[in-house]
Structures are given as C-alpha cells and as structure tokens.
Amino acid sequence: MSVIDLGGTAEAWKRAPVQPARVHIVNLEKPPADLPPWLRSDHADACELPAEILAGDYDVVISNSVLEHVGGHARRRLFADAVHELADRHWVQTPYRYFPVEPHWVCPGMQFLPAAARVTVARHWPLVHTPPADRAEALRTVLDVELLSRTEMRAYFPHSSIRSERVAGLTKSLIAVKRS
C-alpha cells in the first residue's frame, strides 16, 4: 500500500505497528535527513501541493489533526480538494468543535470564548503544551486553531462517511473516511 500523510511525521510512522510499503509525508516542517527507504518526506503546504506530489500514485490519504490548522474556509477547501485529488480513499481526522474540552490547551470551553479571552487562557493555562512567549505569540497561536463542526466536515468531504471518535460517550473528533 502507498500512503500519503498530510501533516504527519517520520517518527510517528517509524513507531507505527503496521508499515505500508511506501509512505510519503508532506509537512511544513523540514524533513529529517535519515529516513528509511520506504519513507519519503517533503517540505510543502498541503493546501498548495506541487504538481509532482499531486501526480503521485497513492492508495490512501491520511491526515491527523491538521485540518483545523490550515487557515480558514478557503484553505480548508483547498486542503479537501487535494485530499480528493491524491487518492480514491482517505482518512482525515480533526478535533470536534463541540467537544467540551479544547484539545490543544486541554481547557474546558476555551473554543467558545472570544479571541481576547482565548489569548489570556493560552498565556496562563497550566496545561498548555508550549506556553507562548508573549501576547502576540499567544494571539497567533489562538488564531491558528479553528475547530470544525460536523456540518463543515460534511461540506468538505461530501462523499465520505463522517465518523465520530468518542470519549465518555461524547464526540471528541470527527473522521472523514472514504473507502473508494
């Protein structure tokens, strides 16, 4: 199987319990230098993929917790269009907007607050992964995250099954799955 992973990492694939024949990672971060022969990594924007990547032969597109970071409706549409163009099958996961805990900050209800209040939380919340250096960085970080609803996922992936990943009976994440 040939997999293209939009936003994935080499380390995650090296640790995966199942290894596809070929994995192609596309990420905004620079790829590591030492990759096994079955793994390829390119530094590129998944919303504006180079023609040589779009022309690749892939069995499935995978993307885990990237869609909420690409930057607004127009860029999410470009991302979804790339997913549809790359392969007949896909598995695209994103955190659900209406789960009670915002997953990036592990903060209850943070996603429902106005931007200024989210900035304050981002700067002072004790469970934040990487505390921002200042208010400007906190604002950039907060504005970089736009959690999606089920309606939005259906709009971007109209021919996919939209599945729910649940925690304690509540939908935590949405997954668009297309088996071909």
N, C-alpha and C. Protein backbone atom coordinates (compact mmCIF):
# COMPACT_ATOMS: atom_id res chain seq x y z
N MET A 1 0.83 -1.18 0.00
CA MET A 1 0.00 0.00 0.00
C MET A 1 0.88 1.25 0.00
N SER A 2 0.45 2.24 -0.73
CA SER A 2 1.13 3.52 -0.79
C SER A 2 0.28 4.57 -0.10
N VAL A 3 0.85 5.22 0.91
CA VAL A 3 0.14 6.19 1.75
C VAL A 3 0.77 7.55 1.59
N ILE A 4 -0.08 8.59 1.48
CA ILE A 4 0.42 9.95 1.61
C ILE A 4 -0.19 10.52 2.88
N ASP A 5 0.65 11.07 3.73
CA ASP A 5 0.23 11.60 5.03
C ASP A 5 0.43 13.11 5.02
N LEU A 6 -0.66 13.84 5.02
CA LEU A 6 -0.60 15.30 5.03
C LEU A 6 -0.49 15.79 6.46
N GLY A 7 0.70 16.27 6.81
CA GLY A 7 0.93 16.79 8.15
C GLY A 7 1.53 15.80 9.12
N GLY A 8 1.85 14.60 8.67
CA GLY A 8 2.40 13.58 9.55
C GLY A 8 3.88 13.76 9.82
N THR A 9 4.44 12.84 10.60
CA THR A 9 5.87 12.90 10.91
C THR A 9 6.51 11.54 10.67
N ALA A 10 7.78 11.56 10.38
CA ALA A 10 8.54 10.33 10.18
C ALA A 10 8.57 9.51 11.47
N GLU A 11 8.72 10.17 12.60
CA GLU A 11 8.79 9.45 13.88
C GLU A 11 7.52 8.65 14.14
N ALA A 12 6.38 9.24 13.83
CA ALA A 12 5.11 8.53 14.04
C ALA A 12 5.04 7.28 13.18
N TRP A 13 5.49 7.37 11.94
CA TRP A 13 5.45 6.21 11.05
C TRP A 13 6.48 5.16 11.43
N LYS A 14 7.62 5.59 11.93
CA LYS A 14 8.63 4.62 12.38
C LYS A 14 8.12 3.81 13.57
N ARG A 15 7.26 4.42 14.40
CA ARG A 15 6.70 3.75 15.57
C ARG A 15 5.41 2.99 15.27
N ALA A 16 4.84 3.17 14.09
CA ALA A 16 3.55 2.56 13.76
C ALA A 16 3.65 1.03 13.82
N PRO A 17 2.59 0.39 14.33
CA PRO A 17 2.61 -1.07 14.43
C PRO A 17 2.52 -1.78 13.08
N VAL A 18 2.04 -1.06 12.06
CA VAL A 18 1.94 -1.62 10.71
C VAL A 18 2.68 -0.69 9.77
N GLN A 19 3.50 -1.26 8.90
CA GLN A 19 4.29 -0.44 7.99
C GLN A 19 3.83 -0.66 6.55
N PRO A 20 3.25 0.38 5.92
CA PRO A 20 2.90 0.26 4.50
C PRO A 20 4.16 0.11 3.65
N ALA A 21 3.98 -0.31 2.41
CA ALA A 21 5.13 -0.46 1.51
C ALA A 21 5.81 0.88 1.26
N ARG A 22 4.98 1.94 1.09
CA ARG A 22 5.52 3.28 0.86
C ARG A 22 4.70 4.30 1.64
N VAL A 23 5.39 5.25 2.26
CA VAL A 23 4.73 6.36 2.94
C VAL A 23 5.40 7.65 2.47
N HIS A 24 4.57 8.59 2.05
CA HIS A 24 5.04 9.91 1.63
C HIS A 24 4.44 10.93 2.58
N ILE A 25 5.28 11.61 3.32
CA ILE A 25 4.83 12.62 4.29
C ILE A 25 5.00 14.00 3.67
N VAL A 26 3.98 14.84 3.84
CA VAL A 26 4.05 16.24 3.43
C VAL A 26 3.80 17.06 4.68
N ASN A 27 4.76 17.95 4.99
CA ASN A 27 4.66 18.72 6.22
C ASN A 27 5.33 20.07 6.01
N LEU A 28 4.89 21.07 6.77
CA LEU A 28 5.52 22.39 6.70
C LEU A 28 6.88 22.41 7.41
N GLU A 29 7.13 21.40 8.24
CA GLU A 29 8.43 21.30 8.90
C GLU A 29 9.43 20.62 7.97
N LYS A 30 10.69 20.98 8.11
CA LYS A 30 11.75 20.38 7.29
C LYS A 30 11.83 18.88 7.60
N PRO A 31 11.97 18.06 6.57
CA PRO A 31 12.05 16.61 6.80
C PRO A 31 13.38 16.22 7.43
N PRO A 32 13.37 15.13 8.20
CA PRO A 32 14.64 14.65 8.76
C PRO A 32 15.53 14.09 7.65
N ALA A 33 16.82 14.08 7.89
CA ALA A 33 17.77 13.63 6.87
C ALA A 33 17.83 12.11 6.75
N ASP A 34 17.68 11.42 7.84
CA ASP A 34 17.87 9.96 7.83
C ASP A 34 16.52 9.23 7.84
N LEU A 35 16.03 8.92 6.65
CA LEU A 35 14.76 8.22 6.52
C LEU A 35 14.97 6.81 5.98
N PRO A 36 14.18 5.85 6.45
CA PRO A 36 14.27 4.51 5.87
C PRO A 36 13.82 4.55 4.41
N PRO A 37 14.20 3.58 3.61
CA PRO A 37 13.89 3.62 2.17
C PRO A 37 12.38 3.62 1.84
N TRP A 38 11.55 3.13 2.71
CA TRP A 38 10.11 3.08 2.46
C TRP A 38 9.40 4.39 2.80
N LEU A 39 10.15 5.36 3.33
CA LEU A 39 9.57 6.61 3.80
C LEU A 39 10.17 7.80 3.06
N ARG A 40 9.30 8.64 2.51
CA ARG A 40 9.72 9.87 1.83
C ARG A 40 9.05 11.04 2.54
N SER A 41 9.75 12.16 2.66
CA SER A 41 9.18 13.33 3.31
C SER A 41 9.50 14.57 2.50
N ASP A 42 8.48 15.38 2.26
CA ASP A 42 8.66 16.64 1.54
C ASP A 42 8.18 17.81 2.37
N HIS A 43 8.92 18.91 2.27
CA HIS A 43 8.54 20.16 2.91
C HIS A 43 7.62 20.89 1.93
N ALA A 44 6.32 20.90 2.23
CA ALA A 44 5.35 21.54 1.32
C ALA A 44 4.07 21.86 2.09
N ASP A 45 3.27 22.74 1.49
CA ASP A 45 1.98 23.14 2.05
C ASP A 45 0.91 22.23 1.45
N ALA A 46 0.18 21.51 2.28
CA ALA A 46 -0.84 20.57 1.81
C ALA A 46 -1.98 21.27 1.08
N CYS A 47 -2.13 22.56 1.28
CA CYS A 47 -3.17 23.33 0.58
C CYS A 47 -2.72 23.82 -0.79
N GLU A 48 -1.43 23.76 -1.03
CA GLU A 48 -0.85 24.21 -2.31
C GLU A 48 0.24 23.23 -2.72
N LEU A 49 -0.15 21.99 -2.97
CA LEU A 49 0.82 20.94 -3.27
C LEU A 49 1.46 21.13 -4.64
N PRO A 50 2.76 20.88 -4.73
CA PRO A 50 3.43 20.93 -6.03
C PRO A 50 2.87 19.86 -6.97
N ALA A 51 2.94 20.11 -8.26
CA ALA A 51 2.39 19.20 -9.27
C ALA A 51 2.96 17.79 -9.15
N GLU A 52 4.25 17.66 -8.81
CA GLU A 52 4.85 16.33 -8.73
C GLU A 52 4.27 15.49 -7.59
N ILE A 53 3.82 16.14 -6.54
CA ILE A 53 3.17 15.40 -5.45
C ILE A 53 1.75 15.04 -5.86
N LEU A 54 1.03 15.99 -6.46
CA LEU A 54 -0.33 15.72 -6.92
C LEU A 54 -0.37 14.61 -7.96
N ALA A 55 0.70 14.46 -8.72
CA ALA A 55 0.75 13.43 -9.76
C ALA A 55 1.15 12.06 -9.22
N GLY A 56 1.43 11.97 -7.92
CA GLY A 56 1.84 10.70 -7.33
C GLY A 56 0.74 9.66 -7.37
N ASP A 57 1.14 8.41 -7.16
CA ASP A 57 0.20 7.29 -7.17
C ASP A 57 0.04 6.79 -5.74
N TYR A 58 -1.10 7.12 -5.12
CA TYR A 58 -1.32 6.79 -3.72
C TYR A 58 -2.60 5.96 -3.58
N ASP A 59 -2.58 5.04 -2.64
CA ASP A 59 -3.76 4.24 -2.34
C ASP A 59 -4.68 4.94 -1.35
N VAL A 60 -4.08 5.68 -0.42
CA VAL A 60 -4.89 6.34 0.62
C VAL A 60 -4.20 7.61 1.12
N VAL A 61 -5.02 8.61 1.45
CA VAL A 61 -4.55 9.85 2.07
C VAL A 61 -4.91 9.78 3.54
N ILE A 62 -3.93 10.10 4.38
CA ILE A 62 -4.15 10.16 5.83
C ILE A 62 -3.78 11.54 6.32
N SER A 63 -4.60 12.06 7.23
CA SER A 63 -4.28 13.33 7.86
C SER A 63 -4.88 13.33 9.25
N ASN A 64 -4.06 13.60 10.24
CA ASN A 64 -4.49 13.54 11.62
C ASN A 64 -4.28 14.89 12.30
N SER A 65 -5.37 15.55 12.66
CA SER A 65 -5.34 16.82 13.39
C SER A 65 -4.52 17.90 12.67
N VAL A 66 -4.83 18.07 11.38
CA VAL A 66 -4.19 19.11 10.58
C VAL A 66 -5.22 20.11 10.06
N LEU A 67 -6.37 19.62 9.67
CA LEU A 67 -7.39 20.45 9.01
C LEU A 67 -7.75 21.70 9.81
N GLU A 68 -7.74 21.60 11.14
CA GLU A 68 -8.11 22.75 11.98
C GLU A 68 -7.00 23.81 12.03
N HIS A 69 -5.85 23.52 11.41
CA HIS A 69 -4.71 24.45 11.45
C HIS A 69 -4.40 25.11 10.10
N VAL A 70 -5.11 24.77 9.03
CA VAL A 70 -4.69 25.24 7.71
C VAL A 70 -5.06 26.68 7.40
N GLY A 71 -6.03 27.26 8.14
CA GLY A 71 -6.28 28.68 7.99
C GLY A 71 -7.52 29.10 7.25
N GLY A 72 -8.68 28.92 7.82
CA GLY A 72 -9.92 29.43 7.27
C GLY A 72 -10.57 28.54 6.23
N HIS A 73 -11.79 28.93 5.87
CA HIS A 73 -12.60 28.12 4.95
C HIS A 73 -11.91 27.90 3.59
N ALA A 74 -11.40 28.96 2.99
CA ALA A 74 -10.81 28.83 1.65
C ALA A 74 -9.65 27.84 1.66
N ARG A 75 -8.82 27.88 2.68
CA ARG A 75 -7.68 26.95 2.74
C ARG A 75 -8.14 25.54 3.12
N ARG A 76 -9.16 25.42 3.94
CA ARG A 76 -9.71 24.09 4.23
C ARG A 76 -10.28 23.47 2.96
N ARG A 77 -10.91 24.29 2.13
CA ARG A 77 -11.44 23.80 0.85
C ARG A 77 -10.29 23.31 -0.04
N LEU A 78 -9.19 24.07 -0.11
CA LEU A 78 -8.02 23.64 -0.90
C LEU A 78 -7.44 22.33 -0.36
N PHE A 79 -7.38 22.21 0.96
CA PHE A 79 -6.88 21.00 1.59
C PHE A 79 -7.76 19.81 1.20
N ALA A 80 -9.08 19.97 1.34
CA ALA A 80 -10.01 18.89 0.98
C ALA A 80 -9.91 18.55 -0.50
N ASP A 81 -9.78 19.54 -1.36
CA ASP A 81 -9.62 19.29 -2.79
C ASP A 81 -8.37 18.46 -3.06
N ALA A 82 -7.28 18.77 -2.36
CA ALA A 82 -6.04 18.00 -2.53
C ALA A 82 -6.26 16.56 -2.07
N VAL A 83 -6.94 16.36 -0.95
CA VAL A 83 -7.22 15.00 -0.47
C VAL A 83 -7.97 14.23 -1.54
N HIS A 84 -9.01 14.83 -2.13
CA HIS A 84 -9.81 14.16 -3.15
C HIS A 84 -9.01 13.86 -4.41
N GLU A 85 -8.06 14.73 -4.74
CA GLU A 85 -7.26 14.55 -5.95
C GLU A 85 -6.16 13.49 -5.78
N LEU A 86 -5.64 13.36 -4.58
CA LEU A 86 -4.49 12.48 -4.34
C LEU A 86 -4.81 10.99 -4.39
N ALA A 87 -5.99 10.61 -3.93
CA ALA A 87 -6.33 9.18 -3.89
C ALA A 87 -7.85 8.99 -3.80
N ASP A 88 -8.31 7.80 -4.15
CA ASP A 88 -9.73 7.49 -4.05
C ASP A 88 -10.17 7.23 -2.61
N ARG A 89 -9.21 6.92 -1.74
CA ARG A 89 -9.53 6.61 -0.34
C ARG A 89 -8.85 7.64 0.57
N HIS A 90 -9.51 7.92 1.70
CA HIS A 90 -8.88 8.81 2.67
C HIS A 90 -9.40 8.55 4.08
N TRP A 91 -8.61 9.05 5.03
CA TRP A 91 -8.93 9.03 6.46
C TRP A 91 -8.41 10.36 6.98
N VAL A 92 -9.35 11.30 7.25
CA VAL A 92 -8.97 12.65 7.67
C VAL A 92 -9.65 12.92 9.01
N GLN A 93 -8.84 13.13 10.05
CA GLN A 93 -9.34 13.34 11.40
C GLN A 93 -9.11 14.78 11.82
N THR A 94 -10.05 15.32 12.58
CA THR A 94 -9.91 16.66 13.17
C THR A 94 -10.69 16.71 14.48
N PRO A 95 -10.21 17.44 15.47
CA PRO A 95 -10.97 17.57 16.71
C PRO A 95 -12.34 18.21 16.45
N TYR A 96 -13.34 17.79 17.20
CA TYR A 96 -14.71 18.28 17.06
C TYR A 96 -14.91 19.56 17.86
N ARG A 97 -15.45 20.53 17.20
CA ARG A 97 -15.67 21.84 17.82
C ARG A 97 -16.48 21.77 19.10
N TYR A 98 -17.46 20.88 19.17
CA TYR A 98 -18.39 20.89 20.30
C TYR A 98 -18.04 19.88 21.39
N PHE A 99 -16.85 19.31 21.34
CA PHE A 99 -16.39 18.52 22.49
C PHE A 99 -16.13 19.54 23.60
N PRO A 100 -16.48 19.23 24.84
CA PRO A 100 -16.39 20.26 25.89
C PRO A 100 -14.97 20.72 26.24
N VAL A 101 -13.95 19.96 25.89
CA VAL A 101 -12.58 20.34 26.22
C VAL A 101 -11.81 20.66 24.93
N GLU A 102 -11.27 21.86 24.85
CA GLU A 102 -10.46 22.24 23.69
C GLU A 102 -9.18 21.42 23.74
N PRO A 103 -8.87 20.62 22.71
CA PRO A 103 -7.78 19.65 22.80
C PRO A 103 -6.36 20.22 22.76
N HIS A 104 -6.16 21.39 22.19
CA HIS A 104 -4.81 21.94 22.09
C HIS A 104 -4.32 22.51 23.41
N TRP A 105 -5.26 23.02 24.20
CA TRP A 105 -4.91 23.59 25.50
C TRP A 105 -5.44 22.74 26.66
N VAL A 106 -6.21 21.71 26.34
CA VAL A 106 -6.85 20.85 27.35
C VAL A 106 -7.61 21.74 28.34
N CYS A 107 -8.39 22.64 27.78
CA CYS A 107 -9.11 23.63 28.59
C CYS A 107 -10.61 23.55 28.27
N PRO A 108 -11.42 23.31 29.28
CA PRO A 108 -12.87 23.24 29.05
C PRO A 108 -13.43 24.54 28.47
N GLY A 109 -14.15 24.40 27.34
CA GLY A 109 -14.87 25.52 26.74
C GLY A 109 -14.05 26.61 26.10
N MET A 110 -12.75 26.47 26.04
CA MET A 110 -11.91 27.55 25.52
C MET A 110 -12.31 27.95 24.09
N GLN A 111 -12.69 26.97 23.26
CA GLN A 111 -13.02 27.26 21.86
C GLN A 111 -14.24 28.15 21.70
N PHE A 112 -15.04 28.32 22.75
CA PHE A 112 -16.25 29.14 22.68
C PHE A 112 -16.02 30.57 23.15
N LEU A 113 -14.84 30.85 23.67
CA LEU A 113 -14.53 32.19 24.18
C LEU A 113 -14.15 33.14 23.05
N PRO A 114 -14.32 34.45 23.26
CA PRO A 114 -13.82 35.43 22.29
C PRO A 114 -12.29 35.32 22.20
N ALA A 115 -11.73 35.77 21.09
CA ALA A 115 -10.28 35.65 20.85
C ALA A 115 -9.45 36.25 21.99
N ALA A 116 -9.84 37.42 22.50
CA ALA A 116 -9.06 38.05 23.57
C ALA A 116 -9.03 37.17 24.82
N ALA A 117 -10.14 36.54 25.14
CA ALA A 117 -10.17 35.66 26.30
C ALA A 117 -9.36 34.38 26.05
N ARG A 118 -9.39 33.87 24.81
CA ARG A 118 -8.58 32.69 24.48
C ARG A 118 -7.09 33.01 24.60
N VAL A 119 -6.70 34.22 24.23
CA VAL A 119 -5.31 34.64 24.37
C VAL A 119 -4.90 34.63 25.84
N THR A 120 -5.74 35.16 26.68
CA THR A 120 -5.44 35.17 28.12
C THR A 120 -5.30 33.75 28.65
N VAL A 121 -6.21 32.87 28.26
CA VAL A 121 -6.13 31.46 28.68
C VAL A 121 -4.83 30.84 28.16
N ALA A 122 -4.53 31.07 26.89
CA ALA A 122 -3.32 30.49 26.30
C ALA A 122 -2.06 30.91 27.04
N ARG A 123 -2.05 32.12 27.55
CA ARG A 123 -0.87 32.63 28.26
C ARG A 123 -0.76 32.11 29.69
N HIS A 124 -1.88 31.74 30.30
CA HIS A 124 -1.86 31.41 31.74
C HIS A 124 -2.33 30.02 32.10
N TRP A 125 -2.94 29.30 31.17
CA TRP A 125 -3.49 27.98 31.49
C TRP A 125 -2.34 27.02 31.79
N PRO A 126 -2.39 26.31 32.90
CA PRO A 126 -1.26 25.47 33.32
C PRO A 126 -1.04 24.22 32.45
N LEU A 127 -2.03 23.81 31.67
CA LEU A 127 -1.88 22.58 30.89
C LEU A 127 -1.45 22.83 29.44
N VAL A 128 -1.19 24.08 29.09
CA VAL A 128 -0.76 24.39 27.72
C VAL A 128 0.54 23.63 27.41
N HIS A 129 0.62 23.07 26.20
CA HIS A 129 1.79 22.28 25.79
C HIS A 129 3.06 23.13 25.73
N THR A 130 2.98 24.24 25.01
CA THR A 130 4.12 25.15 24.88
C THR A 130 3.64 26.56 25.18
N PRO A 131 3.96 27.09 26.36
CA PRO A 131 3.49 28.44 26.71
C PRO A 131 4.04 29.49 25.74
N PRO A 132 3.20 30.40 25.27
CA PRO A 132 3.68 31.45 24.36
C PRO A 132 4.60 32.42 25.09
N ALA A 133 5.52 32.98 24.34
CA ALA A 133 6.50 33.91 24.91
C ALA A 133 5.87 35.24 25.31
N ASP A 134 4.86 35.68 24.53
CA ASP A 134 4.22 36.96 24.80
C ASP A 134 2.80 36.97 24.24
N ARG A 135 2.12 38.07 24.41
CA ARG A 135 0.73 38.18 23.96
C ARG A 135 0.59 38.02 22.44
N ALA A 136 1.51 38.58 21.68
CA ALA A 136 1.45 38.48 20.22
C ALA A 136 1.55 37.01 19.77
N GLU A 137 2.45 36.26 20.39
CA GLU A 137 2.58 34.85 20.05
C GLU A 137 1.33 34.08 20.47
N ALA A 138 0.77 34.41 21.61
CA ALA A 138 -0.46 33.76 22.08
C ALA A 138 -1.60 34.02 21.09
N LEU A 139 -1.69 35.26 20.59
CA LEU A 139 -2.73 35.59 19.61
C LEU A 139 -2.55 34.78 18.33
N ARG A 140 -1.31 34.71 17.82
CA ARG A 140 -1.05 33.91 16.61
C ARG A 140 -1.44 32.45 16.83
N THR A 141 -1.09 31.91 17.98
CA THR A 141 -1.38 30.51 18.28
C THR A 141 -2.89 30.27 18.37
N VAL A 142 -3.59 31.15 19.04
CA VAL A 142 -5.04 31.01 19.20
C VAL A 142 -5.75 31.12 17.85
N LEU A 143 -5.33 32.07 17.03
CA LEU A 143 -5.97 32.25 15.73
C LEU A 143 -5.63 31.14 14.74
N ASP A 144 -4.59 30.38 15.03
CA ASP A 144 -4.17 29.27 14.16
C ASP A 144 -5.08 28.05 14.31
N VAL A 145 -5.92 28.02 15.32
CA VAL A 145 -6.76 26.85 15.58
C VAL A 145 -8.22 27.19 15.34
N GLU A 146 -8.84 26.49 14.40
CA GLU A 146 -10.27 26.65 14.12
C GLU A 146 -10.90 25.26 14.10
N LEU A 147 -11.52 24.89 15.21
CA LEU A 147 -12.14 23.58 15.29
C LEU A 147 -13.37 23.52 14.39
N LEU A 148 -13.64 22.33 13.85
CA LEU A 148 -14.71 22.18 12.86
C LEU A 148 -15.94 21.48 13.44
N SER A 149 -17.07 21.77 12.83
CA SER A 149 -18.34 21.12 13.17
C SER A 149 -18.56 19.96 12.20
N ARG A 150 -19.55 19.15 12.50
CA ARG A 150 -19.93 18.03 11.62
C ARG A 150 -20.40 18.57 10.25
N THR A 151 -21.14 19.68 10.26
CA THR A 151 -21.64 20.27 9.02
C THR A 151 -20.47 20.68 8.12
N GLU A 152 -19.44 21.28 8.70
CA GLU A 152 -18.27 21.68 7.91
C GLU A 152 -17.56 20.45 7.33
N MET A 153 -17.39 19.42 8.15
CA MET A 153 -16.74 18.19 7.65
C MET A 153 -17.53 17.60 6.49
N ARG A 154 -18.85 17.58 6.60
CA ARG A 154 -19.68 17.05 5.51
C ARG A 154 -19.52 17.91 4.25
N ALA A 155 -19.38 19.20 4.41
CA ALA A 155 -19.21 20.09 3.25
C ALA A 155 -17.88 19.83 2.55
N TYR A 156 -16.83 19.61 3.32
CA TYR A 156 -15.51 19.38 2.72
C TYR A 156 -15.36 17.96 2.17
N PHE A 157 -16.08 17.02 2.75
CA PHE A 157 -15.97 15.61 2.36
C PHE A 157 -17.37 15.03 2.11
N PRO A 158 -18.07 15.52 1.07
CA PRO A 158 -19.47 15.15 0.85
C PRO A 158 -19.69 13.68 0.49
N HIS A 159 -18.68 13.00 -0.04
CA HIS A 159 -18.85 11.60 -0.44
C HIS A 159 -18.21 10.65 0.56
N SER A 160 -17.89 11.15 1.71
CA SER A 160 -17.24 10.36 2.76
C SER A 160 -18.23 10.02 3.86
N SER A 161 -17.90 9.01 4.59
CA SER A 161 -18.61 8.70 5.82
C SER A 161 -17.96 9.55 6.92
N ILE A 162 -18.76 10.31 7.66
CA ILE A 162 -18.21 11.12 8.76
C ILE A 162 -18.43 10.32 10.04
N ARG A 163 -17.34 9.88 10.62
CA ARG A 163 -17.39 9.05 11.82
C ARG A 163 -17.03 9.88 13.05
N SER A 164 -17.44 9.38 14.19
CA SER A 164 -17.15 10.05 15.46
C SER A 164 -16.18 9.22 16.28
N GLU A 165 -15.14 9.86 16.76
CA GLU A 165 -14.26 9.25 17.76
C GLU A 165 -14.78 9.75 19.10
N ARG A 166 -15.12 8.83 19.99
CA ARG A 166 -15.80 9.21 21.22
C ARG A 166 -14.94 9.00 22.46
N VAL A 167 -15.19 9.86 23.45
CA VAL A 167 -14.60 9.74 24.78
C VAL A 167 -15.75 9.94 25.76
N ALA A 168 -15.93 9.02 26.65
CA ALA A 168 -17.01 9.08 27.64
C ALA A 168 -18.37 9.31 26.98
N GLY A 169 -18.56 8.73 25.79
CA GLY A 169 -19.82 8.86 25.08
C GLY A 169 -19.99 10.13 24.28
N LEU A 170 -19.05 11.07 24.38
CA LEU A 170 -19.12 12.34 23.65
C LEU A 170 -18.19 12.31 22.44
N THR A 171 -18.62 12.93 21.35
CA THR A 171 -17.77 13.00 20.16
C THR A 171 -16.59 13.93 20.44
N LYS A 172 -15.38 13.35 20.37
CA LYS A 172 -14.13 14.09 20.60
C LYS A 172 -13.54 14.59 19.29
N SER A 173 -13.62 13.74 18.26
CA SER A 173 -13.05 14.06 16.95
C SER A 173 -13.97 13.55 15.86
N LEU A 174 -13.85 14.17 14.70
CA LEU A 174 -14.57 13.73 13.51
C LEU A 174 -13.56 13.14 12.53
N ILE A 175 -13.98 12.09 11.84
CA ILE A 175 -13.10 11.44 10.88
C ILE A 175 -13.87 11.26 9.58
N ALA A 176 -13.35 11.83 8.49
CA ALA A 176 -13.92 11.62 7.16
C ALA A 176 -13.22 10.39 6.58
N VAL A 177 -14.02 9.38 6.25
CA VAL A 177 -13.48 8.13 5.72
C VAL A 177 -14.11 7.85 4.37
N LYS A 178 -13.26 7.59 3.41
CA LYS A 178 -13.74 7.16 2.09
C LYS A 178 -12.95 5.93 1.71
N ARG A 179 -13.68 4.88 1.43
CA ARG A 179 -13.04 3.59 1.10
C ARG A 179 -12.93 3.37 -0.38
N SER A 180 -13.37 4.22 -1.21
CA SER A 180 -13.30 4.28 -2.68
C SER A 180 -14.64 4.13 -3.31
